[in-house]
PDB file of N, CA and C in Angstrom:
ATOM      1  N   MET A   1       0.745  -1.270   0.325  1.00  0.00           N
ATOM      2  CA  MET A   1      -0.069  -0.557  -0.226  1.00  0.00           C
ATOM      3  C   MET A   1       0.891   1.309  -0.047  1.00  0.00           C
ATOM      4  N   ASN A   2       0.212   2.228  -0.465  1.00  0.00           N
ATOM      5  CA  ASN A   2       1.191   3.110  -0.666  1.00  0.00           C
ATOM      6  C   ASN A   2       1.517   3.670   0.668  1.00  0.00           C
ATOM      7  N   LYS A   3       2.288   4.235   0.935  1.00  0.00           N
ATOM      8  CA  LYS A   3       2.686   5.449   2.335  1.00  0.00           C
ATOM      9  C   LYS A   3       2.214   6.138   2.195  1.00  0.00           C
ATOM     10  N   LEU A   4       1.440   7.523   1.666  1.00  0.00           N
ATOM     11  CA  LEU A   4       0.712   8.302   2.283  1.00  0.00           C
ATOM     12  C   LEU A   4      -0.607   7.451   2.835  1.00  0.00           C
ATOM     13  N   PHE A   5      -0.966   7.021   2.269  1.00  0.00           N
ATOM     14  CA  PHE A   5      -2.024   6.083   2.564  1.00  0.00           C
ATOM     15  C   PHE A   5      -1.793   5.782   4.262  1.00  0.00           C
ATOM     16  N   LEU A   6      -1.301   4.990   4.081  1.00  0.00           N
ATOM     17  CA  LEU A   6      -0.428   4.275   5.771  1.00  0.00           C
ATOM     18  C   LEU A   6      -0.811   5.546   6.409  1.00  0.00           C
ATOM     19  N   GLU A   7      -0.091   6.670   5.657  1.00  0.00           N
ATOM     20  CA  GLU A   7      -0.616   8.173   7.478  1.00  0.00           C
ATOM     21  C   GLU A   7      -1.301   8.476   7.597  1.00  0.00           C
ATOM     22  N   ILE A   8      -2.252   8.249   6.478  1.00  0.00           N
ATOM     23  CA  ILE A   8      -3.721   8.840   6.536  1.00  0.00           C
ATOM     24  C   ILE A   8      -4.112   8.162   7.347  1.00  0.00           C
ATOM     25  N   GLU A   9      -4.201   6.098   7.069  1.00  0.00           N
ATOM     26  CA  GLU A   9      -5.535   5.137   8.091  1.00  0.00           C
ATOM     27  C   GLU A   9      -4.556   5.927   9.563  1.00  0.00           C
ATOM     28  N   ASP A  10      -2.861   6.384   9.913  1.00  0.00           N
ATOM     29  CA  ASP A  10      -2.113   6.125  11.593  1.00  0.00           C
ATOM     30  C   ASP A  10      -2.743   7.456  11.842  1.00  0.00           C
ATOM     31  N   PHE A  11      -3.095   8.764  10.871  1.00  0.00           N
ATOM     32  CA  PHE A  11      -3.728  10.036  11.774  1.00  0.00           C
ATOM     33  C   PHE A  11      -5.061   9.370  12.270  1.00  0.00           C
ATOM     34  N   TYR A  12      -6.137   8.649  11.623  1.00  0.00           N
ATOM     35  CA  TYR A  12      -6.834   8.294  11.320  1.00  0.00           C
ATOM     36  C   TYR A  12      -6.701   7.565  12.996  1.00  0.00           C
ATOM     37  N   GLU A  13      -6.236   7.012  12.732  1.00  0.00           N
ATOM     38  CA  GLU A  13      -6.392   6.037  14.795  1.00  0.00           C
ATOM     39  C   GLU A  13      -5.464   6.712  15.335  1.00  0.00           C
ATOM     40  N   ARG A  14      -5.105   7.821  15.688  1.00  0.00           N
ATOM     41  CA  ARG A  14      -4.186   8.633  16.084  1.00  0.00           C
ATOM     42  C   ARG A  14      -5.042   9.889  16.548  1.00  0.00           C
ATOM     43  N   LEU A  15      -6.240  10.362  15.758  1.00  0.00           N
ATOM     44  CA  LEU A  15      -6.796  11.410  15.627  1.00  0.00           C
ATOM     45  C   LEU A  15      -8.435  10.534  16.729  1.00  0.00           C
ATOM     46  N   GLN A  16      -8.760   8.903  16.158  1.00  0.00           N
ATOM     47  CA  GLN A  16     -10.302   8.697  17.124  1.00  0.00           C
ATOM     48  C   GLN A  16      -9.382   8.367  18.654  1.00  0.00           C
ATOM     49  N   VAL A  17      -8.738   8.287  19.055  1.00  0.00           N
ATOM     50  CA  VAL A  17      -8.016   7.676  20.362  1.00  0.00           C
ATOM     51  C   VAL A  17      -8.196   9.357  21.117  1.00  0.00           C
ATOM     52  N   GLY A  18      -8.459  10.023  20.343  1.00  0.00           N
ATOM     53  CA  GLY A  18      -7.595  11.601  20.983  1.00  0.00           C
ATOM     54  C   GLY A  18      -6.657  12.308  21.025  1.00  0.00           C
ATOM     55  N   GLU A  19      -6.105  11.824  20.200  1.00  0.00           N
ATOM     56  CA  GLU A  19      -4.625  11.859  20.689  1.00  0.00           C
ATOM     57  C   GLU A  19      -3.689  13.129  20.461  1.00  0.00           C
ATOM     58  N   PHE A  20      -5.240  14.168  19.144  1.00  0.00           N
ATOM     59  CA  PHE A  20      -4.263  15.389  19.287  1.00  0.00           C
ATOM     60  C   PHE A  20      -5.726  16.471  19.745  1.00  0.00           C
ATOM     61  N   ASP A  21      -5.516  16.404  21.114  1.00  0.00           N
ATOM     62  CA  ASP A  21      -6.798  17.127  21.556  1.00  0.00           C
ATOM     63  C   ASP A  21      -6.509  18.427  21.304  1.00  0.00           C
ATOM     64  N   GLU A  22      -4.885  19.031  20.693  1.00  0.00           N
ATOM     65  CA  GLU A  22      -4.447  20.322  20.922  1.00  0.00           C
ATOM     66  C   GLU A  22      -4.577  21.313  19.494  1.00  0.00           C
ATOM     67  N   PRO A  23      -5.220  21.796  19.422  1.00  0.00           N
ATOM     68  CA  PRO A  23      -5.290  22.545  17.871  1.00  0.00           C
ATOM     69  C   PRO A  23      -4.284  23.171  16.524  1.00  0.00           C
ATOM     70  N   LEU A  24      -3.531  23.235  17.728  1.00  0.00           N
ATOM     71  CA  LEU A  24      -1.716  22.669  17.460  1.00  0.00           C
ATOM     72  C   LEU A  24      -1.079  21.599  17.223  1.00  0.00           C
ATOM     73  N   ALA A  25      -1.032  20.695  17.775  1.00  0.00           N
ATOM     74  CA  ALA A  25      -0.658  19.814  16.921  1.00  0.00           C
ATOM     75  C   ALA A  25      -1.677  18.655  15.558  1.00  0.00           C
ATOM     76  N   LEU A  26      -2.837  18.797  15.893  1.00  0.00           N
ATOM     77  CA  LEU A  26      -3.662  19.073  14.917  1.00  0.00           C
ATOM     78  C   LEU A  26      -3.565  19.507  13.492  1.00  0.00           C
ATOM     79  N   ALA A  27      -3.463  20.712  13.370  1.00  0.00           N
ATOM     80  CA  ALA A  27      -3.169  21.500  12.573  1.00  0.00           C
ATOM     81  C   ALA A  27      -1.587  21.140  11.877  1.00  0.00           C
ATOM     82  N   ALA A  28      -0.997  20.962  12.356  1.00  0.00           N
ATOM     83  CA  ALA A  28       0.191  20.516  12.303  1.00  0.00           C
ATOM     84  C   ALA A  28       0.880  19.077  12.138  1.00  0.00           C
ATOM     85  N   ILE A  29      -0.019  17.812  12.235  1.00  0.00           N
ATOM     86  CA  ILE A  29      -0.715  16.954  11.205  1.00  0.00           C
ATOM     87  C   ILE A  29      -1.076  16.721  10.362  1.00  0.00           C
ATOM     88  N   LEU A  30      -1.665  17.669  10.233  1.00  0.00           N
ATOM     89  CA  LEU A  30      -3.274  17.657   8.567  1.00  0.00           C
ATOM     90  C   LEU A  30      -1.519  19.008   7.527  1.00  0.00           C
ATOM     91  N   GLN A  31      -1.517  19.776   7.814  1.00  0.00           N
ATOM     92  CA  GLN A  31      -0.249  20.384   7.367  1.00  0.00           C
ATOM     93  C   GLN A  31       0.830  19.174   6.608  1.00  0.00           C
ATOM     94  N   LYS A  32       1.171  18.434   7.910  1.00  0.00           N
ATOM     95  CA  LYS A  32       2.308  17.331   7.371  1.00  0.00           C
ATOM     96  C   LYS A  32       1.849  16.736   5.577  1.00  0.00           C
ATOM     97  N   LEU A  33       0.165  16.139   6.395  1.00  0.00           N
ATOM     98  CA  LEU A  33      -0.134  15.005   5.490  1.00  0.00           C
ATOM     99  C   LEU A  33      -0.602  16.247   3.708  1.00  0.00           C
ATOM    100  N   SER A  34      -0.995  16.827   4.501  1.00  0.00           N
ATOM    101  CA  SER A  34      -1.308  18.086   2.964  1.00  0.00           C
ATOM    102  C   SER A  34      -0.434  18.229   1.847  1.00  0.00           C
ATOM    103  N   ASP A  35       1.013  18.248   2.769  1.00  0.00           N
ATOM    104  CA  ASP A  35       2.125  18.249   1.855  1.00  0.00           C
ATOM    105  C   ASP A  35       2.454  17.379   0.952  1.00  0.00           C
ATOM    106  N   ALA A  36       2.317  16.102   1.735  1.00  0.00           N
ATOM    107  CA  ALA A  36       3.412  15.038   1.151  1.00  0.00           C
ATOM    108  C   ALA A  36       1.806  14.155   0.112  1.00  0.00           C
ATOM    109  N   ALA A  37       0.519  15.205   0.172  1.00  0.00           N
ATOM    110  CA  ALA A  37      -0.178  14.069  -1.273  1.00  0.00           C
ATOM    111  C   ALA A  37       0.181  15.325  -1.715  1.00  0.00           C
ATOM    112  N   TRP A  38       0.115  16.642  -1.925  1.00  0.00           N
ATOM    113  CA  TRP A  38       0.819  17.638  -3.006  1.00  0.00           C
ATOM    114  C   TRP A  38       1.998  16.947  -4.388  1.00  0.00           C
ATOM    115  N   VAL A  39       2.777  16.978  -2.997  1.00  0.00           N
ATOM    116  CA  VAL A  39       3.857  16.254  -3.886  1.00  0.00           C
ATOM    117  C   VAL A  39       4.014  14.479  -4.460  1.00  0.00           C
ATOM    118  N   GLU A  40       3.140  14.706  -3.831  1.00  0.00           N
ATOM    119  CA  GLU A  40       3.238  12.882  -5.126  1.00  0.00           C
ATOM    120  C   GLU A  40       1.798  13.695  -6.677  1.00  0.00           C
ATOM    121  N   VAL A  41       1.151  14.333  -5.819  1.00  0.00           N
ATOM    122  CA  VAL A  41       0.194  14.963  -7.521  1.00  0.00           C
ATOM    123  C   VAL A  41       1.272  15.513  -8.022  1.00  0.00           C
ATOM    124  N   GLU A  42       2.433  16.092  -7.435  1.00  0.00           N
ATOM    125  CA  GLU A  42       3.049  16.758  -8.140  1.00  0.00           C
ATOM    126  C   GLU A  42       3.801  15.071  -9.255  1.00  0.00           C
ATOM    127  N   GLU A  43       4.356  14.463  -8.133  1.00  0.00           N
ATOM    128  CA  GLU A  43       4.777  13.625  -9.087  1.00  0.00           C
ATOM    129  C   GLU A  43       4.003  12.635  -9.982  1.00  0.00           C
ATOM    130  N   LEU A  44       2.890  12.487 -10.304  1.00  0.00           N
ATOM    131  CA  LEU A  44       1.822  11.713 -10.449  1.00  0.00           C
ATOM    132  C   LEU A  44       1.862  12.531 -11.904  1.00  0.00           C
ATOM    133  N   TYR A  45       1.242  13.819 -12.006  1.00  0.00           N
ATOM    134  CA  TYR A  45       0.921  14.992 -12.927  1.00  0.00           C
ATOM    135  C   TYR A  45       1.848  15.575 -13.160  1.00  0.00           C
ATOM    136  N   GLN A  46       2.972  14.931 -14.319  1.00  0.00           N
ATOM    137  CA  GLN A  46       4.385  16.309 -14.514  1.00  0.00           C
ATOM    138  C   GLN A  46       3.296  17.464 -15.111  1.00  0.00           C
ATOM    139  N   PRO A  47       3.846  18.374 -15.427  1.00  0.00           N
ATOM    140  CA  PRO A  47       2.885  19.048 -16.316  1.00  0.00           C
ATOM    141  C   PRO A  47       4.386  18.862 -17.264  1.00  0.00           C
ATOM    142  N   ALA A  48       3.290  19.220 -18.650  1.00  0.00           N
ATOM    143  CA  ALA A  48       3.496  19.314 -19.843  1.00  0.00           C
ATOM    144  C   ALA A  48       3.691  19.950 -20.771  1.00  0.00           C
ATOM    145  N   THR A  49       4.923  19.661 -21.555  1.00  0.00           N
ATOM    146  CA  THR A  49       5.248  20.567 -22.136  1.00  0.00           C
ATOM    147  C   THR A  49       5.103  20.298 -23.282  1.00  0.00           C
ATOM    148  N   ARG A  50       5.037  21.452 -23.954  1.00  0.00           N
ATOM    149  CA  ARG A  50       3.752  22.146 -25.231  1.00  0.00           C
ATOM    150  C   ARG A  50       5.126  22.728 -26.663  1.00  0.00           C
ATOM    151  N   ILE A  51       5.192  22.290 -27.713  1.00  0.00           N
ATOM    152  CA  ILE A  51       6.542  22.629 -28.696  1.00  0.00           C
ATOM    153  C   ILE A  51       6.028  23.453 -29.746  1.00  0.00           C
ATOM    154  N   ASP A  52       5.559  24.035 -30.334  1.00  0.00           N
ATOM    155  CA  ASP A  52       5.288  24.104 -31.408  1.00  0.00           C
ATOM    156  C   ASP A  52       6.691  24.898 -32.560  1.00  0.00           C
ATOM    157  N   ALA A  53       6.066  23.588 -33.557  1.00  0.00           N
ATOM    158  CA  ALA A  53       7.286  24.169 -34.258  1.00  0.00           C
ATOM    159  C   ALA A  53       6.949  24.814 -35.524  1.00  0.00           C
TER     160      ALA A  53
END
């Protein structure tokens, strides 16, 4: 399974048991997951280069 999906599952489990009771801790982990997701999107969907002759 994809590493990011495993990290999201881990986050969800930790969230359910109340591990993120401080907004700052929750915001930090959500930012980390969001950044990782954008990196994957950029890797999967490389920009196309158009060359007109």
